[in-house]
Amino acid sequence: MTNRLAVSKELSREEKLELVEALEARALREKRKRSGYVPNSLQAAVHSSPKRIRFVASANGVGKTALDVWEAYWTSQGTHPHRPNLTVPNRGVIILDSPDKVQRWL
């Protein structure tokens, strides 16, 4: 920490602004790297399933919503990695277990 203070006192205002801008740009690049979708084992199994109708039920935080969003995105773009010949429009059904979740989905 002492080194940072010593370096920051030696920099001009413009150099400090450039440093902050560079650090923010690096943070944004790191954030973009993490934003890629990597399916967990359950999601990967559902994505790659050849079945026409698939049903997913699991505990909170397993990734059901992310799975459905990516299925919808890939289908709408025609880029599904396991189902390249899906027709658009297509349908997905989400059954909510609590009425308060409806507002969050809308």
N, C-alpha and C. Protein backbone atom coordinates (compact mmCIF):
# COMPACT_ATOMS: atom_id res chain seq x y z
N MET A 1 0.83 -1.20 0.00
CA MET A 1 0.00 0.00 0.00
C MET A 1 0.86 1.24 0.00
N THR A 2 1.99 1.23 0.71
CA THR A 2 2.87 2.38 0.77
C THR A 2 3.43 2.71 -0.60
N ASN A 3 3.78 1.68 -1.39
CA ASN A 3 4.28 1.91 -2.74
C ASN A 3 3.26 2.63 -3.60
N ARG A 4 2.01 2.25 -3.49
CA ARG A 4 0.95 2.89 -4.28
C ARG A 4 0.84 4.37 -3.93
N LEU A 5 0.90 4.68 -2.65
CA LEU A 5 0.81 6.09 -2.24
C LEU A 5 2.00 6.88 -2.77
N ALA A 6 3.18 6.29 -2.71
CA ALA A 6 4.37 6.98 -3.20
C ALA A 6 4.27 7.22 -4.70
N VAL A 7 3.82 6.22 -5.44
CA VAL A 7 3.68 6.36 -6.89
C VAL A 7 2.61 7.39 -7.21
N SER A 8 1.48 7.35 -6.51
CA SER A 8 0.39 8.27 -6.81
C SER A 8 0.77 9.72 -6.54
N LYS A 9 1.65 9.97 -5.57
CA LYS A 9 2.09 11.34 -5.29
C LYS A 9 3.01 11.85 -6.39
N GLU A 10 3.71 10.95 -7.06
CA GLU A 10 4.65 11.33 -8.11
C GLU A 10 3.95 11.59 -9.44
N LEU A 11 2.74 11.11 -9.63
CA LEU A 11 2.04 11.27 -10.90
C LEU A 11 1.34 12.62 -10.98
N SER A 12 1.28 13.15 -12.20
CA SER A 12 0.52 14.38 -12.41
C SER A 12 -0.96 14.05 -12.45
N ARG A 13 -1.79 15.07 -12.43
CA ARG A 13 -3.24 14.87 -12.50
C ARG A 13 -3.61 14.12 -13.77
N GLU A 14 -3.04 14.50 -14.89
CA GLU A 14 -3.33 13.86 -16.18
C GLU A 14 -2.91 12.39 -16.18
N GLU A 15 -1.74 12.13 -15.58
CA GLU A 15 -1.26 10.74 -15.51
C GLU A 15 -2.17 9.89 -14.62
N LYS A 16 -2.64 10.48 -13.53
CA LYS A 16 -3.57 9.76 -12.66
C LYS A 16 -4.87 9.46 -13.39
N LEU A 17 -5.38 10.43 -14.17
CA LEU A 17 -6.61 10.20 -14.93
C LEU A 17 -6.40 9.10 -15.97
N GLU A 18 -5.24 9.11 -16.64
CA GLU A 18 -4.94 8.06 -17.61
C GLU A 18 -4.86 6.69 -16.94
N LEU A 19 -4.25 6.67 -15.75
CA LEU A 19 -4.15 5.41 -15.01
C LEU A 19 -5.52 4.88 -14.62
N VAL A 20 -6.39 5.77 -14.13
CA VAL A 20 -7.75 5.36 -13.76
C VAL A 20 -8.49 4.84 -14.99
N GLU A 21 -8.34 5.54 -16.12
CA GLU A 21 -9.00 5.11 -17.36
C GLU A 21 -8.49 3.74 -17.79
N ALA A 22 -7.18 3.52 -17.70
CA ALA A 22 -6.61 2.22 -18.07
C ALA A 22 -7.11 1.11 -17.14
N LEU A 23 -7.19 1.41 -15.85
CA LEU A 23 -7.68 0.41 -14.90
C LEU A 23 -9.15 0.09 -15.14
N GLU A 24 -9.95 1.10 -15.45
CA GLU A 24 -11.36 0.85 -15.75
C GLU A 24 -11.51 0.03 -17.02
N ALA A 25 -10.70 0.31 -18.03
CA ALA A 25 -10.75 -0.47 -19.28
C ALA A 25 -10.37 -1.92 -19.03
N ARG A 26 -9.35 -2.13 -18.18
CA ARG A 26 -8.95 -3.50 -17.85
C ARG A 26 -10.05 -4.22 -17.10
N ALA A 27 -10.69 -3.53 -16.15
CA ALA A 27 -11.79 -4.13 -15.40
C ALA A 27 -12.93 -4.51 -16.32
N LEU A 28 -13.23 -3.67 -17.31
CA LEU A 28 -14.29 -3.97 -18.27
C LEU A 28 -13.94 -5.18 -19.12
N ARG A 29 -12.68 -5.28 -19.56
CA ARG A 29 -12.26 -6.46 -20.33
C ARG A 29 -12.39 -7.73 -19.50
N GLU A 30 -12.01 -7.67 -18.24
CA GLU A 30 -12.13 -8.83 -17.36
C GLU A 30 -13.59 -9.22 -17.16
N LYS A 31 -14.44 -8.21 -17.01
CA LYS A 31 -15.87 -8.48 -16.83
C LYS A 31 -16.45 -9.15 -18.07
N ARG A 32 -16.05 -8.68 -19.24
CA ARG A 32 -16.55 -9.27 -20.49
C ARG A 32 -16.10 -10.70 -20.64
N LYS A 33 -14.90 -11.02 -20.20
CA LYS A 33 -14.41 -12.39 -20.28
C LYS A 33 -15.27 -13.32 -19.44
N ARG A 34 -15.70 -12.84 -18.27
CA ARG A 34 -16.49 -13.67 -17.35
C ARG A 34 -17.94 -13.80 -17.80
N SER A 35 -18.39 -12.94 -18.72
CA SER A 35 -19.80 -12.94 -19.06
C SER A 35 -20.19 -14.06 -20.03
N GLY A 36 -19.23 -14.86 -20.49
CA GLY A 36 -19.55 -15.97 -21.37
C GLY A 36 -20.33 -17.04 -20.62
N TYR A 37 -21.18 -17.72 -21.33
CA TYR A 37 -22.02 -18.76 -20.72
C TYR A 37 -21.31 -20.09 -20.81
N VAL A 38 -21.07 -20.72 -19.68
CA VAL A 38 -20.51 -22.06 -19.62
C VAL A 38 -21.50 -22.91 -18.85
N PRO A 39 -22.23 -23.80 -19.56
CA PRO A 39 -23.26 -24.58 -18.88
C PRO A 39 -22.67 -25.57 -17.87
N ASN A 40 -23.41 -25.73 -16.76
CA ASN A 40 -23.01 -26.76 -15.79
C ASN A 40 -23.47 -28.12 -16.33
N SER A 41 -23.24 -29.18 -15.59
CA SER A 41 -23.53 -30.53 -16.11
C SER A 41 -25.01 -30.74 -16.40
N LEU A 42 -25.91 -30.21 -15.55
CA LEU A 42 -27.35 -30.34 -15.79
C LEU A 42 -27.73 -29.58 -17.06
N GLN A 43 -27.28 -28.34 -17.16
CA GLN A 43 -27.61 -27.53 -18.32
C GLN A 43 -27.08 -28.16 -19.61
N ALA A 44 -25.86 -28.65 -19.57
CA ALA A 44 -25.26 -29.26 -20.76
C ALA A 44 -26.06 -30.48 -21.21
N ALA A 45 -26.53 -31.27 -20.24
CA ALA A 45 -27.32 -32.46 -20.59
C ALA A 45 -28.63 -32.06 -21.25
N VAL A 46 -29.27 -31.01 -20.76
CA VAL A 46 -30.54 -30.56 -21.35
C VAL A 46 -30.30 -29.96 -22.73
N HIS A 47 -29.28 -29.10 -22.84
CA HIS A 47 -28.98 -28.49 -24.14
C HIS A 47 -28.72 -29.53 -25.21
N SER A 48 -28.01 -30.59 -24.85
CA SER A 48 -27.62 -31.59 -25.85
C SER A 48 -28.65 -32.70 -26.05
N SER A 49 -29.72 -32.69 -25.28
CA SER A 49 -30.73 -33.73 -25.40
C SER A 49 -31.43 -33.66 -26.76
N PRO A 50 -31.59 -34.80 -27.43
CA PRO A 50 -32.28 -34.80 -28.71
C PRO A 50 -33.81 -34.80 -28.58
N LYS A 51 -34.31 -34.91 -27.36
CA LYS A 51 -35.76 -34.98 -27.14
C LYS A 51 -36.43 -33.67 -27.54
N ARG A 52 -37.62 -33.79 -28.10
CA ARG A 52 -38.39 -32.61 -28.50
C ARG A 52 -38.92 -31.87 -27.28
N ILE A 53 -39.41 -32.61 -26.31
CA ILE A 53 -39.94 -32.01 -25.08
C ILE A 53 -38.98 -32.34 -23.95
N ARG A 54 -38.54 -31.32 -23.27
CA ARG A 54 -37.63 -31.49 -22.14
C ARG A 54 -38.22 -30.79 -20.93
N PHE A 55 -38.12 -31.41 -19.78
CA PHE A 55 -38.66 -30.86 -18.54
C PHE A 55 -37.53 -30.77 -17.53
N VAL A 56 -37.37 -29.60 -16.93
CA VAL A 56 -36.31 -29.41 -15.95
C VAL A 56 -36.94 -28.95 -14.64
N ALA A 57 -36.67 -29.70 -13.58
CA ALA A 57 -37.11 -29.32 -12.24
C ALA A 57 -35.91 -29.51 -11.32
N SER A 58 -35.59 -28.48 -10.59
CA SER A 58 -34.45 -28.57 -9.68
C SER A 58 -34.55 -27.49 -8.61
N ALA A 59 -33.63 -27.52 -7.68
CA ALA A 59 -33.61 -26.57 -6.58
C ALA A 59 -33.23 -25.17 -7.07
N ASN A 60 -33.39 -24.20 -6.19
CA ASN A 60 -33.00 -22.83 -6.51
C ASN A 60 -31.50 -22.74 -6.77
N GLY A 61 -31.13 -21.91 -7.73
CA GLY A 61 -29.73 -21.65 -7.99
C GLY A 61 -29.01 -22.66 -8.86
N VAL A 62 -29.74 -23.58 -9.45
CA VAL A 62 -29.11 -24.61 -10.27
C VAL A 62 -28.86 -24.11 -11.69
N GLY A 63 -29.66 -23.17 -12.15
CA GLY A 63 -29.44 -22.60 -13.47
C GLY A 63 -30.57 -22.83 -14.46
N LYS A 64 -31.78 -23.06 -13.96
CA LYS A 64 -32.92 -23.29 -14.86
C LYS A 64 -33.20 -22.07 -15.72
N THR A 65 -33.16 -20.89 -15.11
CA THR A 65 -33.47 -19.66 -15.85
C THR A 65 -32.41 -19.40 -16.91
N ALA A 66 -31.15 -19.52 -16.55
CA ALA A 66 -30.08 -19.31 -17.53
C ALA A 66 -30.21 -20.31 -18.68
N LEU A 67 -30.52 -21.54 -18.35
CA LEU A 67 -30.70 -22.58 -19.37
C LEU A 67 -31.79 -22.15 -20.36
N ASP A 68 -32.92 -21.72 -19.84
CA ASP A 68 -34.04 -21.34 -20.70
C ASP A 68 -33.72 -20.11 -21.53
N VAL A 69 -33.06 -19.14 -20.92
CA VAL A 69 -32.71 -17.92 -21.66
C VAL A 69 -31.77 -18.25 -22.81
N TRP A 70 -30.77 -19.08 -22.56
CA TRP A 70 -29.85 -19.44 -23.64
C TRP A 70 -30.52 -20.28 -24.71
N GLU A 71 -31.41 -21.17 -24.31
CA GLU A 71 -32.17 -21.94 -25.31
C GLU A 71 -32.95 -20.99 -26.22
N ALA A 72 -33.62 -20.01 -25.61
CA ALA A 72 -34.41 -19.04 -26.39
C ALA A 72 -33.51 -18.20 -27.29
N TYR A 73 -32.39 -17.75 -26.75
CA TYR A 73 -31.47 -16.92 -27.54
C TYR A 73 -30.92 -17.69 -28.74
N TRP A 74 -30.38 -18.89 -28.48
CA TRP A 74 -29.82 -19.68 -29.56
C TRP A 74 -30.86 -19.99 -30.63
N THR A 75 -32.08 -20.33 -30.19
CA THR A 75 -33.13 -20.67 -31.13
C THR A 75 -33.49 -19.46 -31.98
N SER A 76 -33.62 -18.30 -31.33
CA SER A 76 -34.00 -17.09 -32.09
C SER A 76 -32.92 -16.67 -33.08
N GLN A 77 -31.67 -16.96 -32.76
CA GLN A 77 -30.56 -16.58 -33.64
C GLN A 77 -30.21 -17.67 -34.65
N GLY A 78 -30.78 -18.86 -34.46
CA GLY A 78 -30.44 -19.99 -35.33
C GLY A 78 -29.03 -20.50 -35.08
N THR A 79 -28.54 -20.34 -33.84
CA THR A 79 -27.16 -20.72 -33.52
C THR A 79 -27.08 -21.79 -32.44
N HIS A 80 -28.15 -22.53 -32.22
CA HIS A 80 -28.13 -23.55 -31.16
C HIS A 80 -27.04 -24.57 -31.48
N PRO A 81 -26.11 -24.79 -30.54
CA PRO A 81 -24.99 -25.69 -30.84
C PRO A 81 -25.38 -27.16 -31.00
N HIS A 82 -26.54 -27.56 -30.48
CA HIS A 82 -26.95 -28.97 -30.55
C HIS A 82 -28.20 -29.18 -31.38
N ARG A 83 -28.90 -28.13 -31.75
CA ARG A 83 -30.14 -28.23 -32.50
C ARG A 83 -30.16 -27.20 -33.62
N PRO A 84 -29.35 -27.36 -34.62
CA PRO A 84 -29.24 -26.34 -35.66
C PRO A 84 -30.49 -26.19 -36.54
N ASN A 85 -31.37 -27.17 -36.54
CA ASN A 85 -32.53 -27.12 -37.43
C ASN A 85 -33.83 -26.78 -36.73
N LEU A 86 -33.76 -26.13 -35.57
CA LEU A 86 -34.99 -25.73 -34.88
C LEU A 86 -35.73 -24.68 -35.68
N THR A 87 -37.04 -24.77 -35.66
CA THR A 87 -37.84 -23.78 -36.37
C THR A 87 -38.18 -22.61 -35.46
N VAL A 88 -38.31 -21.45 -36.05
CA VAL A 88 -38.70 -20.25 -35.31
C VAL A 88 -40.04 -19.83 -35.89
N PRO A 89 -41.07 -19.51 -35.13
CA PRO A 89 -41.05 -19.42 -33.67
C PRO A 89 -41.07 -20.79 -33.01
N ASN A 90 -40.62 -20.80 -31.81
CA ASN A 90 -40.58 -21.99 -30.99
C ASN A 90 -41.14 -21.59 -29.63
N ARG A 91 -41.46 -22.54 -28.78
CA ARG A 91 -42.06 -22.20 -27.48
C ARG A 91 -41.29 -22.82 -26.33
N GLY A 92 -41.28 -22.06 -25.24
CA GLY A 92 -40.76 -22.56 -23.98
C GLY A 92 -41.78 -22.21 -22.91
N VAL A 93 -42.00 -23.10 -21.99
CA VAL A 93 -42.96 -22.86 -20.93
C VAL A 93 -42.23 -22.87 -19.59
N ILE A 94 -42.50 -21.86 -18.79
CA ILE A 94 -41.91 -21.78 -17.47
C ILE A 94 -43.04 -21.80 -16.46
N ILE A 95 -43.00 -22.73 -15.53
CA ILE A 95 -44.03 -22.83 -14.50
C ILE A 95 -43.41 -22.29 -13.21
N LEU A 96 -44.02 -21.23 -12.69
CA LEU A 96 -43.51 -20.61 -11.47
C LEU A 96 -44.20 -21.22 -10.25
N ASP A 97 -43.42 -21.41 -9.19
CA ASP A 97 -43.97 -22.03 -8.00
C ASP A 97 -44.49 -21.04 -6.97
N SER A 98 -44.41 -19.76 -7.27
CA SER A 98 -44.83 -18.74 -6.31
C SER A 98 -45.37 -17.53 -7.07
N PRO A 99 -46.55 -17.01 -6.69
CA PRO A 99 -47.13 -15.88 -7.41
C PRO A 99 -46.24 -14.63 -7.44
N ASP A 100 -45.42 -14.42 -6.42
CA ASP A 100 -44.58 -13.21 -6.40
C ASP A 100 -43.51 -13.23 -7.50
N LYS A 101 -43.20 -14.38 -8.05
CA LYS A 101 -42.19 -14.48 -9.11
C LYS A 101 -42.73 -13.95 -10.44
N VAL A 102 -44.04 -13.88 -10.60
CA VAL A 102 -44.62 -13.42 -11.85
C VAL A 102 -44.17 -11.99 -12.15
N GLN A 103 -44.20 -11.12 -11.15
CA GLN A 103 -43.78 -9.74 -11.37
C GLN A 103 -42.32 -9.66 -11.80
N ARG A 104 -41.47 -10.50 -11.22
CA ARG A 104 -40.05 -10.48 -11.60
C ARG A 104 -39.87 -10.91 -13.04
N TRP A 105 -40.67 -11.86 -13.52
CA TRP A 105 -40.55 -12.31 -14.90
C TRP A 105 -41.09 -11.29 -15.87
N LEU A 106 -42.18 -10.60 -15.49
CA LEU A 106 -42.75 -9.61 -16.40
C LEU A 106 -41.80 -8.45 -16.58
